[in-house]
Amino acid sequence: ENVQVGMNSRMHAGILGAIFRPPRVKREEAESRDRARELLTYCGLP
């Protein structure tokens, strides 16, 4: 979750997207989790 916080500046959901969570927002959230896992592994925290 800490790493995902760092991704907020690059995400596009906006306030309404965060509230209603359409498919594109859910996709973006899933991608952010995958990317966060990759970064944690890269930084030695697998």
PDB file of all heavy atoms in Angstrom:
ATOM      1  N   GLU A   1       0.822  -1.209   0.000  1.00  0.00           N
ATOM      2  CA  GLU A   1       0.000   0.000   0.000  1.00  0.00           C
ATOM      3  C   GLU A   1       0.857   1.260   0.000  1.00  0.00           C
ATOM      4  O   GLU A   1       0.511   2.253  -0.641  1.00  0.00           O
ATOM      5  CB  GLU A   1      -0.935  -0.013   1.210  1.00  0.00           C
ATOM      6  CG  GLU A   1      -2.050  -1.045   1.106  1.00  0.00           C
ATOM      7  CD  GLU A   1      -2.768  -1.290   2.409  1.00  0.00           C
ATOM      8  OE1 GLU A   1      -2.186  -1.012   3.491  1.00  0.00           O
ATOM      9  OE2 GLU A   1      -3.919  -1.780   2.372  1.00  0.00           O
ATOM     10  N   ASN A   2       1.985   1.230   0.710  1.00  0.00           N
ATOM     11  CA  ASN A   2       2.887   2.378   0.710  1.00  0.00           C
ATOM     12  C   ASN A   2       3.400   2.677  -0.693  1.00  0.00           C
ATOM     13  O   ASN A   2       3.483   3.838  -1.100  1.00  0.00           O
ATOM     14  CB  ASN A   2       4.057   2.140   1.664  1.00  0.00           C
ATOM     15  CG  ASN A   2       3.800   2.663   3.061  1.00  0.00           C
ATOM     16  OD1 ASN A   2       4.042   3.828   3.351  1.00  0.00           O
ATOM     17  ND2 ASN A   2       3.297   1.801   3.924  1.00  0.00           N
ATOM     18  N   VAL A   3       3.754   1.622  -1.426  1.00  0.00           N
ATOM     19  CA  VAL A   3       4.243   1.823  -2.794  1.00  0.00           C
ATOM     20  C   VAL A   3       3.120   2.333  -3.692  1.00  0.00           C
ATOM     21  O   VAL A   3       3.331   3.218  -4.536  1.00  0.00           O
ATOM     22  CB  VAL A   3       4.857   0.526  -3.353  1.00  0.00           C
ATOM     23  CG1 VAL A   3       5.308   0.725  -4.800  1.00  0.00           C
ATOM     24  CG2 VAL A   3       6.045   0.083  -2.500  1.00  0.00           C
ATOM     25  N   GLN A   4       1.909   1.833  -3.497  1.00  0.00           N
ATOM     26  CA  GLN A   4       0.775   2.298  -4.302  1.00  0.00           C
ATOM     27  C   GLN A   4       0.495   3.777  -4.073  1.00  0.00           C
ATOM     28  O   GLN A   4       0.090   4.483  -4.994  1.00  0.00           O
ATOM     29  CB  GLN A   4      -0.467   1.468  -3.995  1.00  0.00           C
ATOM     30  CG  GLN A   4      -0.428   0.072  -4.606  1.00  0.00           C
ATOM     31  CD  GLN A   4      -1.706  -0.710  -4.337  1.00  0.00           C
ATOM     32  OE1 GLN A   4      -1.928  -1.192  -3.233  1.00  0.00           O
ATOM     33  NE2 GLN A   4      -2.540  -0.804  -5.361  1.00  0.00           N
ATOM     34  N   VAL A   5       0.736   4.249  -2.848  1.00  0.00           N
ATOM     35  CA  VAL A   5       0.577   5.687  -2.577  1.00  0.00           C
ATOM     36  C   VAL A   5       1.479   6.496  -3.503  1.00  0.00           C
ATOM     37  O   VAL A   5       1.096   7.549  -4.026  1.00  0.00           O
ATOM     38  CB  VAL A   5       0.889   6.003  -1.098  1.00  0.00           C
ATOM     39  CG1 VAL A   5       1.037   7.514  -0.884  1.00  0.00           C
ATOM     40  CG2 VAL A   5      -0.209   5.465  -0.195  1.00  0.00           C
ATOM     41  N   GLY A   6       2.701   5.999  -3.723  1.00  0.00           N
ATOM     42  CA  GLY A   6       3.625   6.701  -4.612  1.00  0.00           C
ATOM     43  C   GLY A   6       3.151   6.771  -6.047  1.00  0.00           C
ATOM     44  O   GLY A   6       3.598   7.632  -6.815  1.00  0.00           O
ATOM     45  N   MET A   7       2.246   5.871  -6.422  1.00  0.00           N
ATOM     46  CA  MET A   7       1.744   5.839  -7.797  1.00  0.00           C
ATOM     47  C   MET A   7       0.598   6.808  -8.048  1.00  0.00           C
ATOM     48  O   MET A   7       0.188   6.995  -9.192  1.00  0.00           O
ATOM     49  CB  MET A   7       1.273   4.423  -8.145  1.00  0.00           C
ATOM     50  CG  MET A   7       2.377   3.399  -8.129  1.00  0.00           C
ATOM     51  SD  MET A   7       1.751   1.749  -8.508  1.00  0.00           S
ATOM     52  CE  MET A   7       3.254   0.794  -8.335  1.00  0.00           C
ATOM     53  N   ASN A   8       0.061   7.405  -6.977  1.00  0.00           N
ATOM     54  CA  ASN A   8      -1.141   8.239  -7.125  1.00  0.00           C
ATOM     55  C   ASN A   8      -0.968   9.360  -8.138  1.00  0.00           C
ATOM     56  O   ASN A   8      -1.902   9.710  -8.859  1.00  0.00           O
ATOM     57  CB  ASN A   8      -1.555   8.827  -5.777  1.00  0.00           C
ATOM     58  CG  ASN A   8      -2.289   7.825  -4.909  1.00  0.00           C
ATOM     59  OD1 ASN A   8      -2.752   6.793  -5.389  1.00  0.00           O
ATOM     60  ND2 ASN A   8      -2.373   8.101  -3.616  1.00  0.00           N
ATOM     61  N   SER A   9       0.245   9.929  -8.195  1.00  0.00           N
ATOM     62  CA  SER A   9       0.460  11.050  -9.108  1.00  0.00           C
ATOM     63  C   SER A   9       0.381  10.629 -10.573  1.00  0.00           C
ATOM     64  O   SER A   9       0.252  11.472 -11.463  1.00  0.00           O
ATOM     65  CB  SER A   9       1.825  11.707  -8.837  1.00  0.00           C
ATOM     66  OG  SER A   9       2.881  10.799  -9.121  1.00  0.00           O
ATOM     67  N   ARG A  10       0.465   9.304 -10.844  1.00  0.00           N
ATOM     68  CA  ARG A  10       0.428   8.802 -12.226  1.00  0.00           C
ATOM     69  C   ARG A  10      -0.904   8.140 -12.581  1.00  0.00           C
ATOM     70  O   ARG A  10      -1.072   7.652 -13.690  1.00  0.00           O
ATOM     71  CB  ARG A  10       1.563   7.788 -12.443  1.00  0.00           C
ATOM     72  CG  ARG A  10       2.944   8.317 -12.140  1.00  0.00           C
ATOM     73  CD  ARG A  10       3.365   9.399 -13.101  1.00  0.00           C
ATOM     74  NE  ARG A  10       4.665   9.947 -12.758  1.00  0.00           N
ATOM     75  CZ  ARG A  10       5.165  11.052 -13.288  1.00  0.00           C
ATOM     76  NH1 ARG A  10       4.451  11.729 -14.176  1.00  0.00           N
ATOM     77  NH2 ARG A  10       6.354  11.500 -12.936  1.00  0.00           N
ATOM     78  N   MET A  11      -1.839   8.111 -11.619  1.00  0.00           N
ATOM     79  CA  MET A  11      -3.108   7.422 -11.869  1.00  0.00           C
ATOM     80  C   MET A  11      -4.186   8.407 -12.323  1.00  0.00           C
ATOM     81  O   MET A  11      -4.064   9.617 -12.135  1.00  0.00           O
ATOM     82  CB  MET A  11      -3.545   6.661 -10.618  1.00  0.00           C
ATOM     83  CG  MET A  11      -2.549   5.554 -10.247  1.00  0.00           C
ATOM     84  SD  MET A  11      -2.964   4.630  -8.758  1.00  0.00           S
ATOM     85  CE  MET A  11      -4.299   3.593  -9.365  1.00  0.00           C
ATOM     86  N   HIS A  12      -5.237   7.871 -12.946  1.00  0.00           N
ATOM     87  CA  HIS A  12      -6.202   8.733 -13.642  1.00  0.00           C
ATOM     88  C   HIS A  12      -7.642   8.584 -13.153  1.00  0.00           C
ATOM     89  O   HIS A  12      -8.562   9.099 -13.762  1.00  0.00           O
ATOM     90  CB  HIS A  12      -6.177   8.431 -15.152  1.00  0.00           C
ATOM     91  CG  HIS A  12      -4.815   8.542 -15.759  1.00  0.00           C
ATOM     92  ND1 HIS A  12      -3.982   7.448 -15.934  1.00  0.00           N
ATOM     93  CD2 HIS A  12      -4.127   9.622 -16.211  1.00  0.00           C
ATOM     94  CE1 HIS A  12      -2.846   7.853 -16.490  1.00  0.00           C
ATOM     95  NE2 HIS A  12      -2.899   9.154 -16.668  1.00  0.00           N
ATOM     96  N   ALA A  13      -7.850   7.906 -12.040  1.00  0.00           N
ATOM     97  CA  ALA A  13      -9.216   7.594 -11.609  1.00  0.00           C
ATOM     98  C   ALA A  13     -10.031   8.842 -11.293  1.00  0.00           C
ATOM     99  O   ALA A  13     -11.187   8.963 -11.697  1.00  0.00           O
ATOM    100  CB  ALA A  13      -9.179   6.672 -10.389  1.00  0.00           C
ATOM    101  N   GLY A  14      -9.455   9.789 -10.554  1.00  0.00           N
ATOM    102  CA  GLY A  14     -10.202  10.963 -10.138  1.00  0.00           C
ATOM    103  C   GLY A  14     -11.184  10.619  -9.020  1.00  0.00           C
ATOM    104  O   GLY A  14     -11.344   9.460  -8.627  1.00  0.00           O
ATOM    105  N   ILE A  15     -11.878  11.637  -8.522  1.00  0.00           N
ATOM    106  CA  ILE A  15     -12.785  11.445  -7.387  1.00  0.00           C
ATOM    107  C   ILE A  15     -13.968  10.550  -7.763  1.00  0.00           C
ATOM    108  O   ILE A  15     -14.308   9.602  -7.061  1.00  0.00           O
ATOM    109  CB  ILE A  15     -13.286  12.812  -6.866  1.00  0.00           C
ATOM    110  CG1 ILE A  15     -12.106  13.616  -6.305  1.00  0.00           C
ATOM    111  CG2 ILE A  15     -14.348  12.615  -5.786  1.00  0.00           C
ATOM    112  CD1 ILE A  15     -12.446  15.030  -5.907  1.00  0.00           C
ATOM    113  N   LEU A  16     -14.608  10.845  -8.894  1.00  0.00           N
ATOM    114  CA  LEU A  16     -15.777  10.052  -9.292  1.00  0.00           C
ATOM    115  C   LEU A  16     -15.394   8.601  -9.583  1.00  0.00           C
ATOM    116  O   LEU A  16     -16.123   7.671  -9.218  1.00  0.00           O
ATOM    117  CB  LEU A  16     -16.442  10.673 -10.528  1.00  0.00           C
ATOM    118  CG  LEU A  16     -17.148  12.021 -10.295  1.00  0.00           C
ATOM    119  CD1 LEU A  16     -17.710  12.557 -11.605  1.00  0.00           C
ATOM    120  CD2 LEU A  16     -18.270  11.867  -9.266  1.00  0.00           C
ATOM    121  N   GLY A  17     -14.248   8.418 -10.221  1.00  0.00           N
ATOM    122  CA  GLY A  17     -13.785   7.057 -10.499  1.00  0.00           C
ATOM    123  C   GLY A  17     -13.535   6.271  -9.226  1.00  0.00           C
ATOM    124  O   GLY A  17     -13.847   5.077  -9.135  1.00  0.00           O
ATOM    125  N   ALA A  18     -12.967   6.954  -8.209  1.00  0.00           N
ATOM    126  CA  ALA A  18     -12.705   6.283  -6.940  1.00  0.00           C
ATOM    127  C   ALA A  18     -14.003   5.900  -6.228  1.00  0.00           C
ATOM    128  O   ALA A  18     -14.057   4.882  -5.519  1.00  0.00           O
ATOM    129  CB  ALA A  18     -11.868   7.194  -6.044  1.00  0.00           C
ATOM    130  N   ILE A  19     -15.056   6.710  -6.427  1.00  0.00           N
ATOM    131  CA  ILE A  19     -16.337   6.428  -5.770  1.00  0.00           C
ATOM    132  C   ILE A  19     -17.086   5.303  -6.479  1.00  0.00           C
ATOM    133  O   ILE A  19     -17.540   4.336  -5.858  1.00  0.00           O
ATOM    134  CB  ILE A  19     -17.205   7.700  -5.715  1.00  0.00           C
ATOM    135  CG1 ILE A  19     -16.554   8.752  -4.801  1.00  0.00           C
ATOM    136  CG2 ILE A  19     -18.618   7.371  -5.213  1.00  0.00           C
ATOM    137  CD1 ILE A  19     -17.209  10.107  -4.848  1.00  0.00           C
ATOM    138  N   PHE A  20     -17.227   5.413  -7.818  1.00  0.00           N
ATOM    139  CA  PHE A  20     -18.064   4.470  -8.560  1.00  0.00           C
ATOM    140  C   PHE A  20     -17.291   3.264  -9.100  1.00  0.00           C
ATOM    141  O   PHE A  20     -17.907   2.246  -9.452  1.00  0.00           O
ATOM    142  CB  PHE A  20     -18.767   5.208  -9.708  1.00  0.00           C
ATOM    143  CG  PHE A  20     -19.726   6.259  -9.222  1.00  0.00           C
ATOM    144  CD1 PHE A  20     -19.430   7.605  -9.341  1.00  0.00           C
ATOM    145  CD2 PHE A  20     -20.914   5.889  -8.612  1.00  0.00           C
ATOM    146  CE1 PHE A  20     -20.318   8.573  -8.882  1.00  0.00           C
ATOM    147  CE2 PHE A  20     -21.809   6.846  -8.156  1.00  0.00           C
ATOM    148  CZ  PHE A  20     -21.516   8.195  -8.287  1.00  0.00           C
ATOM    149  N   ARG A  21     -15.974   3.379  -9.204  1.00  0.00           N
ATOM    150  CA  ARG A  21     -15.081   2.288  -9.586  1.00  0.00           C
ATOM    151  C   ARG A  21     -15.538   1.527 -10.826  1.00  0.00           C
ATOM    152  O   ARG A  21     -15.852   0.344 -10.783  1.00  0.00           O
ATOM    153  CB  ARG A  21     -14.898   1.334  -8.411  1.00  0.00           C
ATOM    154  CG  ARG A  21     -14.348   2.021  -7.170  1.00  0.00           C
ATOM    155  CD  ARG A  21     -14.016   1.086  -6.032  1.00  0.00           C
ATOM    156  NE  ARG A  21     -12.822   0.317  -6.330  1.00  0.00           N
ATOM    157  CZ  ARG A  21     -12.808  -0.998  -6.522  1.00  0.00           C
ATOM    158  NH1 ARG A  21     -13.914  -1.696  -6.497  1.00  0.00           N
ATOM    159  NH2 ARG A  21     -11.677  -1.621  -6.772  1.00  0.00           N
ATOM    160  N   PRO A  22     -15.588   2.215 -11.965  1.00  0.00           N
ATOM    161  CA  PRO A  22     -15.909   1.525 -13.217  1.00  0.00           C
ATOM    162  C   PRO A  22     -14.784   0.570 -13.600  1.00  0.00           C
ATOM    163  O   PRO A  22     -13.700   0.577 -12.987  1.00  0.00           O
ATOM    164  CB  PRO A  22     -16.022   2.675 -14.223  1.00  0.00           C
ATOM    165  CG  PRO A  22     -15.160   3.753 -13.657  1.00  0.00           C
ATOM    166  CD  PRO A  22     -15.301   3.648 -12.169  1.00  0.00           C
ATOM    167  N   PRO A  23     -14.998  -0.276 -14.638  1.00  0.00           N
ATOM    168  CA  PRO A  23     -13.985  -1.281 -15.012  1.00  0.00           C
ATOM    169  C   PRO A  23     -12.597  -0.707 -15.263  1.00  0.00           C
ATOM    170  O   PRO A  23     -11.591  -1.333 -14.885  1.00  0.00           O
ATOM    171  CB  PRO A  23     -14.568  -1.905 -16.286  1.00  0.00           C
ATOM    172  CG  PRO A  23     -16.047  -1.758 -16.110  1.00  0.00           C
ATOM    173  CD  PRO A  23     -16.247  -0.446 -15.401  1.00  0.00           C
ATOM    174  N   ARG A  24     -12.508   0.453 -15.886  1.00  0.00           N
ATOM    175  CA  ARG A  24     -11.187   1.020 -16.179  1.00  0.00           C
ATOM    176  C   ARG A  24     -10.428   1.349 -14.891  1.00  0.00           C
ATOM    177  O   ARG A  24      -9.198   1.216 -14.824  1.00  0.00           O
ATOM    178  CB  ARG A  24     -11.312   2.273 -17.055  1.00  0.00           C
ATOM    179  CG  ARG A  24     -12.021   3.432 -16.400  1.00  0.00           C
ATOM    180  CD  ARG A  24     -12.030   4.685 -17.274  1.00  0.00           C
ATOM    181  NE  ARG A  24     -12.756   5.771 -16.635  1.00  0.00           N
ATOM    182  CZ  ARG A  24     -12.243   6.558 -15.689  1.00  0.00           C
ATOM    183  NH1 ARG A  24     -11.009   6.377 -15.280  1.00  0.00           N
ATOM    184  NH2 ARG A  24     -12.979   7.526 -15.157  1.00  0.00           N
ATOM    185  N   VAL A  25     -11.161   1.782 -13.848  1.00  0.00           N
ATOM    186  CA  VAL A  25     -10.517   2.085 -12.572  1.00  0.00           C
ATOM    187  C   VAL A  25     -10.053   0.801 -11.894  1.00  0.00           C
ATOM    188  O   VAL A  25      -8.944   0.731 -11.342  1.00  0.00           O
ATOM    189  CB  VAL A  25     -11.477   2.872 -11.650  1.00  0.00           C
ATOM    190  CG1 VAL A  25     -10.902   2.995 -10.241  1.00  0.00           C
ATOM    191  CG2 VAL A  25     -11.741   4.259 -12.232  1.00  0.00           C
ATOM    192  N   LYS A  26     -10.887  -0.240 -11.942  1.00  0.00           N
ATOM    193  CA  LYS A  26     -10.501  -1.522 -11.360  1.00  0.00           C
ATOM    194  C   LYS A  26      -9.273  -2.088 -12.057  1.00  0.00           C
ATOM    195  O   LYS A  26      -8.382  -2.671 -11.429  1.00  0.00           O
ATOM    196  CB  LYS A  26     -11.657  -2.506 -11.447  1.00  0.00           C
ATOM    197  CG  LYS A  26     -12.841  -2.145 -10.548  1.00  0.00           C
ATOM    198  CD  LYS A  26     -13.969  -3.160 -10.693  1.00  0.00           C
ATOM    199  CE  LYS A  26     -15.144  -2.796  -9.797  1.00  0.00           C
ATOM    200  NZ  LYS A  26     -16.273  -3.739  -9.931  1.00  0.00           N
ATOM    201  N   ARG A  27      -9.224  -1.896 -13.400  1.00  0.00           N
ATOM    202  CA  ARG A  27      -8.057  -2.346 -14.161  1.00  0.00           C
ATOM    203  C   ARG A  27      -6.805  -1.601 -13.706  1.00  0.00           C
ATOM    204  O   ARG A  27      -5.742  -2.191 -13.518  1.00  0.00           O
ATOM    205  CB  ARG A  27      -8.297  -2.116 -15.662  1.00  0.00           C
ATOM    206  CG  ARG A  27      -8.496  -3.383 -16.450  1.00  0.00           C
ATOM    207  CD  ARG A  27      -8.468  -3.173 -17.952  1.00  0.00           C
ATOM    208  NE  ARG A  27      -8.873  -1.868 -18.429  1.00  0.00           N
ATOM    209  CZ  ARG A  27     -10.133  -1.545 -18.747  1.00  0.00           C
ATOM    210  NH1 ARG A  27     -11.111  -2.420 -18.595  1.00  0.00           N
ATOM    211  NH2 ARG A  27     -10.424  -0.346 -19.211  1.00  0.00           N
ATOM    212  N   GLU A  28      -6.939  -0.290 -13.558  1.00  0.00           N
ATOM    213  CA  GLU A  28      -5.801   0.530 -13.145  1.00  0.00           C
ATOM    214  C   GLU A  28      -5.328   0.140 -11.749  1.00  0.00           C
ATOM    215  O   GLU A  28      -4.121   0.073 -11.491  1.00  0.00           O
ATOM    216  CB  GLU A  28      -6.192   2.013 -13.174  1.00  0.00           C
ATOM    217  CG  GLU A  28      -5.018   2.955 -12.946  1.00  0.00           C
ATOM    218  CD  GLU A  28      -5.404   4.415 -13.067  1.00  0.00           C
ATOM    219  OE1 GLU A  28      -6.399   4.822 -12.433  1.00  0.00           O
ATOM    220  OE2 GLU A  28      -4.716   5.155 -13.792  1.00  0.00           O
ATOM    221  N   GLU A  29      -6.261  -0.154 -10.854  1.00  0.00           N
ATOM    222  CA  GLU A  29      -5.888  -0.576  -9.503  1.00  0.00           C
ATOM    223  C   GLU A  29      -5.141  -1.907  -9.526  1.00  0.00           C
ATOM    224  O   GLU A  29      -4.149  -2.087  -8.807  1.00  0.00           O
ATOM    225  CB  GLU A  29      -7.148  -0.693  -8.639  1.00  0.00           C
ATOM    226  CG  GLU A  29      -7.759   0.653  -8.266  1.00  0.00           C
ATOM    227  CD  GLU A  29      -9.068   0.500  -7.516  1.00  0.00           C
ATOM    228  OE1 GLU A  29      -9.573  -0.647  -7.406  1.00  0.00           O
ATOM    229  OE2 GLU A  29      -9.596   1.523  -7.040  1.00  0.00           O
ATOM    230  N   ALA A  30      -5.618  -2.851 -10.348  1.00  0.00           N
ATOM    231  CA  ALA A  30      -4.942  -4.151 -10.456  1.00  0.00           C
ATOM    232  C   ALA A  30      -3.538  -3.982 -11.024  1.00  0.00           C
ATOM    233  O   ALA A  30      -2.578  -4.612 -10.555  1.00  0.00           O
ATOM    234  CB  ALA A  30      -5.771  -5.090 -11.328  1.00  0.00           C
ATOM    235  N   GLU A  31      -3.412  -3.112 -12.025  1.00  0.00           N
ATOM    236  CA  GLU A  31      -2.098  -2.859 -12.616  1.00  0.00           C
ATOM    237  C   GLU A  31      -1.158  -2.212 -11.602  1.00  0.00           C
ATOM    238  O   GLU A  31       0.038  -2.514 -11.572  1.00  0.00           O
ATOM    239  CB  GLU A  31      -2.256  -1.962 -13.848  1.00  0.00           C
ATOM    240  CG  GLU A  31      -2.900  -2.665 -15.039  1.00  0.00           C
ATOM    241  CD  GLU A  31      -3.302  -1.701 -16.149  1.00  0.00           C
ATOM    242  OE1 GLU A  31      -3.086  -0.464 -15.973  1.00  0.00           O
ATOM    243  OE2 GLU A  31      -3.830  -2.173 -17.175  1.00  0.00           O
ATOM    244  N   SER A  32      -1.710  -1.319 -10.762  1.00  0.00           N
ATOM    245  CA  SER A  32      -0.872  -0.663  -9.751  1.00  0.00           C
ATOM    246  C   SER A  32      -0.373  -1.662  -8.720  1.00  0.00           C
ATOM    247  O   SER A  32       0.770  -1.576  -8.258  1.00  0.00           O
ATOM    248  CB  SER A  32      -1.631   0.484  -9.074  1.00  0.00           C
ATOM    249  OG  SER A  32      -2.545   0.014  -8.109  1.00  0.00           O
ATOM    250  N   ARG A  33      -1.222  -2.631  -8.349  1.00  0.00           N
ATOM    251  CA  ARG A  33      -0.782  -3.663  -7.403  1.00  0.00           C
ATOM    252  C   ARG A  33       0.334  -4.514  -7.998  1.00  0.00           C
ATOM    253  O   ARG A  33       1.326  -4.821  -7.330  1.00  0.00           O
ATOM    254  CB  ARG A  33      -1.964  -4.544  -6.984  1.00  0.00           C
ATOM    255  CG  ARG A  33      -2.917  -3.889  -5.990  1.00  0.00           C
ATOM    256  CD  ARG A  33      -3.891  -4.890  -5.401  1.00  0.00           C
ATOM    257  NE  ARG A  33      -4.800  -5.444  -6.417  1.00  0.00           N
ATOM    258  CZ  ARG A  33      -5.957  -4.893  -6.754  1.00  0.00           C
ATOM    259  NH1 ARG A  33      -6.354  -3.757  -6.191  1.00  0.00           N
ATOM    260  NH2 ARG A  33      -6.743  -5.469  -7.673  1.00  0.00           N
ATOM    261  N   ASP A  34       0.181  -4.880  -9.274  1.00  0.00           N
ATOM    262  CA  ASP A  34       1.219  -5.674  -9.940  1.00  0.00           C
ATOM    263  C   ASP A  34       2.530  -4.894 -10.014  1.00  0.00           C
ATOM    264  O   ASP A  34       3.615  -5.447  -9.759  1.00  0.00           O
ATOM    265  CB  ASP A  34       0.768  -6.066 -11.345  1.00  0.00           C
ATOM    266  CG  ASP A  34      -0.364  -7.094 -11.345  1.00  0.00           C
ATOM    267  OD1 ASP A  34      -0.559  -7.744 -10.296  1.00  0.00           O
ATOM    268  OD2 ASP A  34      -1.032  -7.228 -12.385  1.00  0.00           O
ATOM    269  N   ARG A  35       2.424  -3.631 -10.363  1.00  0.00           N
ATOM    270  CA  ARG A  35       3.618  -2.787 -10.473  1.00  0.00           C
ATOM    271  C   ARG A  35       4.277  -2.607  -9.104  1.00  0.00           C
ATOM    272  O   ARG A  35       5.516  -2.635  -8.986  1.00  0.00           O
ATOM    273  CB  ARG A  35       3.222  -1.425 -11.058  1.00  0.00           C
ATOM    274  CG  ARG A  35       4.324  -0.390 -11.112  1.00  0.00           C
ATOM    275  CD  ARG A  35       5.412  -0.785 -12.072  1.00  0.00           C
ATOM    276  NE  ARG A  35       6.423   0.264 -12.175  1.00  0.00           N
ATOM    277  CZ  ARG A  35       7.720   0.026 -12.327  1.00  0.00           C
ATOM    278  NH1 ARG A  35       8.161  -1.214 -12.438  1.00  0.00           N
ATOM    279  NH2 ARG A  35       8.574   1.021 -12.403  1.00  0.00           N
ATOM    280  N   ALA A  36       3.461  -2.446  -8.051  1.00  0.00           N
ATOM    281  CA  ALA A  36       4.002  -2.295  -6.703  1.00  0.00           C
ATOM    282  C   ALA A  36       4.755  -3.554  -6.280  1.00  0.00           C
ATOM    283  O   ALA A  36       5.832  -3.480  -5.671  1.00  0.00           O
ATOM    284  CB  ALA A  36       2.883  -1.982  -5.717  1.00  0.00           C
ATOM    285  N   ARG A  37       4.207  -4.720  -6.597  1.00  0.00           N
ATOM    286  CA  ARG A  37       4.895  -5.979  -6.268  1.00  0.00           C
ATOM    287  C   ARG A  37       6.245  -6.065  -6.991  1.00  0.00           C
ATOM    288  O   ARG A  37       7.241  -6.506  -6.420  1.00  0.00           O
ATOM    289  CB  ARG A  37       4.009  -7.168  -6.638  1.00  0.00           C
ATOM    290  CG  ARG A  37       2.774  -7.327  -5.751  1.00  0.00           C
ATOM    291  CD  ARG A  37       2.045  -8.636  -6.046  1.00  0.00           C
ATOM    292  NE  ARG A  37       0.788  -8.710  -5.315  1.00  0.00           N
ATOM    293  CZ  ARG A  37      -0.408  -8.411  -5.832  1.00  0.00           C
ATOM    294  NH1 ARG A  37      -0.509  -8.031  -7.100  1.00  0.00           N
ATOM    295  NH2 ARG A  37      -1.487  -8.509  -5.084  1.00  0.00           N
ATOM    296  N   GLU A  38       6.251  -5.653  -8.263  1.00  0.00           N
ATOM    297  CA  GLU A  38       7.499  -5.673  -9.031  1.00  0.00           C
ATOM    298  C   GLU A  38       8.550  -4.768  -8.380  1.00  0.00           C
ATOM    299  O   GLU A  38       9.726  -5.136  -8.277  1.00  0.00           O
ATOM    300  CB  GLU A  38       7.235  -5.214 -10.467  1.00  0.00           C
ATOM    301  CG  GLU A  38       6.450  -6.205 -11.313  1.00  0.00           C
ATOM    302  CD  GLU A  38       6.097  -5.620 -12.675  1.00  0.00           C
ATOM    303  OE1 GLU A  38       6.547  -4.489 -12.971  1.00  0.00           O
ATOM    304  OE2 GLU A  38       5.356  -6.288 -13.430  1.00  0.00           O
ATOM    305  N   LEU A  39       8.129  -3.574  -7.962  1.00  0.00           N
ATOM    306  CA  LEU A  39       9.072  -2.625  -7.361  1.00  0.00           C
ATOM    307  C   LEU A  39       9.588  -3.137  -6.017  1.00  0.00           C
ATOM    308  O   LEU A  39      10.767  -2.985  -5.701  1.00  0.00           O
ATOM    309  CB  LEU A  39       8.414  -1.255  -7.184  1.00  0.00           C
ATOM    310  CG  LEU A  39       8.306  -0.412  -8.451  1.00  0.00           C
ATOM    311  CD1 LEU A  39       7.436   0.822  -8.208  1.00  0.00           C
ATOM    312  CD2 LEU A  39       9.701   0.026  -8.928  1.00  0.00           C
ATOM    313  N   LEU A  40       8.711  -3.740  -5.226  1.00  0.00           N
ATOM    314  CA  LEU A  40       9.148  -4.289  -3.943  1.00  0.00           C
ATOM    315  C   LEU A  40      10.175  -5.404  -4.159  1.00  0.00           C
ATOM    316  O   LEU A  40      11.183  -5.481  -3.445  1.00  0.00           O
ATOM    317  CB  LEU A  40       7.946  -4.814  -3.156  1.00  0.00           C
ATOM    318  CG  LEU A  40       7.056  -3.729  -2.538  1.00  0.00           C
ATOM    319  CD1 LEU A  40       5.740  -4.328  -2.054  1.00  0.00           C
ATOM    320  CD2 LEU A  40       7.775  -3.034  -1.381  1.00  0.00           C
ATOM    321  N   THR A  41       9.923  -6.260  -5.136  1.00  0.00           N
ATOM    322  CA  THR A  41      10.879  -7.322  -5.450  1.00  0.00           C
ATOM    323  C   THR A  41      12.193  -6.730  -5.934  1.00  0.00           C
ATOM    324  O   THR A  41      13.286  -7.133  -5.511  1.00  0.00           O
ATOM    325  CB  THR A  41      10.298  -8.276  -6.512  1.00  0.00           C
ATOM    326  OG1 THR A  41       9.109  -8.876  -5.988  1.00  0.00           O
ATOM    327  CG2 THR A  41      11.294  -9.360  -6.881  1.00  0.00           C
ATOM    328  N   TYR A  42      12.117  -5.732  -6.806  1.00  0.00           N
ATOM    329  CA  TYR A  42      13.314  -5.076  -7.336  1.00  0.00           C
ATOM    330  C   TYR A  42      14.149  -4.455  -6.215  1.00  0.00           C
ATOM    331  O   TYR A  42      15.381  -4.495  -6.250  1.00  0.00           O
ATOM    332  CB  TYR A  42      12.916  -3.997  -8.341  1.00  0.00           C
ATOM    333  CG  TYR A  42      14.091  -3.237  -8.909  1.00  0.00           C
ATOM    334  CD1 TYR A  42      14.883  -3.800  -9.903  1.00  0.00           C
ATOM    335  CD2 TYR A  42      14.417  -1.973  -8.437  1.00  0.00           C
ATOM    336  CE1 TYR A  42      15.978  -3.116 -10.401  1.00  0.00           C
ATOM    337  CE2 TYR A  42      15.503  -1.284  -8.932  1.00  0.00           C
ATOM    338  CZ  TYR A  42      16.280  -1.862  -9.921  1.00  0.00           C
ATOM    339  OH  TYR A  42      17.370  -1.181 -10.403  1.00  0.00           O
ATOM    340  N   CYS A  43      13.459  -3.896  -5.215  1.00  0.00           N
ATOM    341  CA  CYS A  43      14.155  -3.222  -4.120  1.00  0.00           C
ATOM    342  C   CYS A  43      14.569  -4.170  -3.000  1.00  0.00           C
ATOM    343  O   CYS A  43      15.003  -3.731  -1.929  1.00  0.00           O
ATOM    344  CB  CYS A  43      13.280  -2.095  -3.563  1.00  0.00           C
ATOM    345  SG  CYS A  43      13.080  -0.713  -4.715  1.00  0.00           S
ATOM    346  N   GLY A  44      14.436  -5.478  -3.238  1.00  0.00           N
ATOM    347  CA  GLY A  44      14.922  -6.455  -2.283  1.00  0.00           C
ATOM    348  C   GLY A  44      13.934  -6.842  -1.208  1.00  0.00           C
ATOM    349  O   GLY A  44      14.330  -7.333  -0.144  1.00  0.00           O
ATOM    350  N   LEU A  45      12.638  -6.650  -1.480  1.00  0.00           N
ATOM    351  CA  LEU A  45      11.595  -6.982  -0.504  1.00  0.00           C
ATOM    352  C   LEU A  45      10.561  -7.935  -1.116  1.00  0.00           C
ATOM    353  O   LEU A  45       9.356  -7.674  -1.083  1.00  0.00           O
ATOM    354  CB  LEU A  45      10.899  -5.695  -0.027  1.00  0.00           C
ATOM    355  CG  LEU A  45      11.809  -4.616   0.575  1.00  0.00           C
ATOM    356  CD1 LEU A  45      11.049  -3.319   0.752  1.00  0.00           C
ATOM    357  CD2 LEU A  45      12.388  -5.082   1.906  1.00  0.00           C
ATOM    358  N   PRO A  46      11.001  -9.073  -1.649  1.00  0.00           N
ATOM    359  CA  PRO A  46      10.076  -9.931  -2.399  1.00  0.00           C
ATOM    360  C   PRO A  46       9.011 -10.606  -1.549  1.00  0.00           C
ATOM    361  O   PRO A  46       7.961 -10.983  -2.056  1.00  0.00           O
ATOM    362  CB  PRO A  46      10.999 -10.979  -3.036  1.00  0.00           C
ATOM    363  CG  PRO A  46      12.186 -11.030  -2.126  1.00  0.00           C
ATOM    364  CD  PRO A  46      12.369  -9.627  -1.631  1.00  0.00           C
TER     365      PRO A  46
END
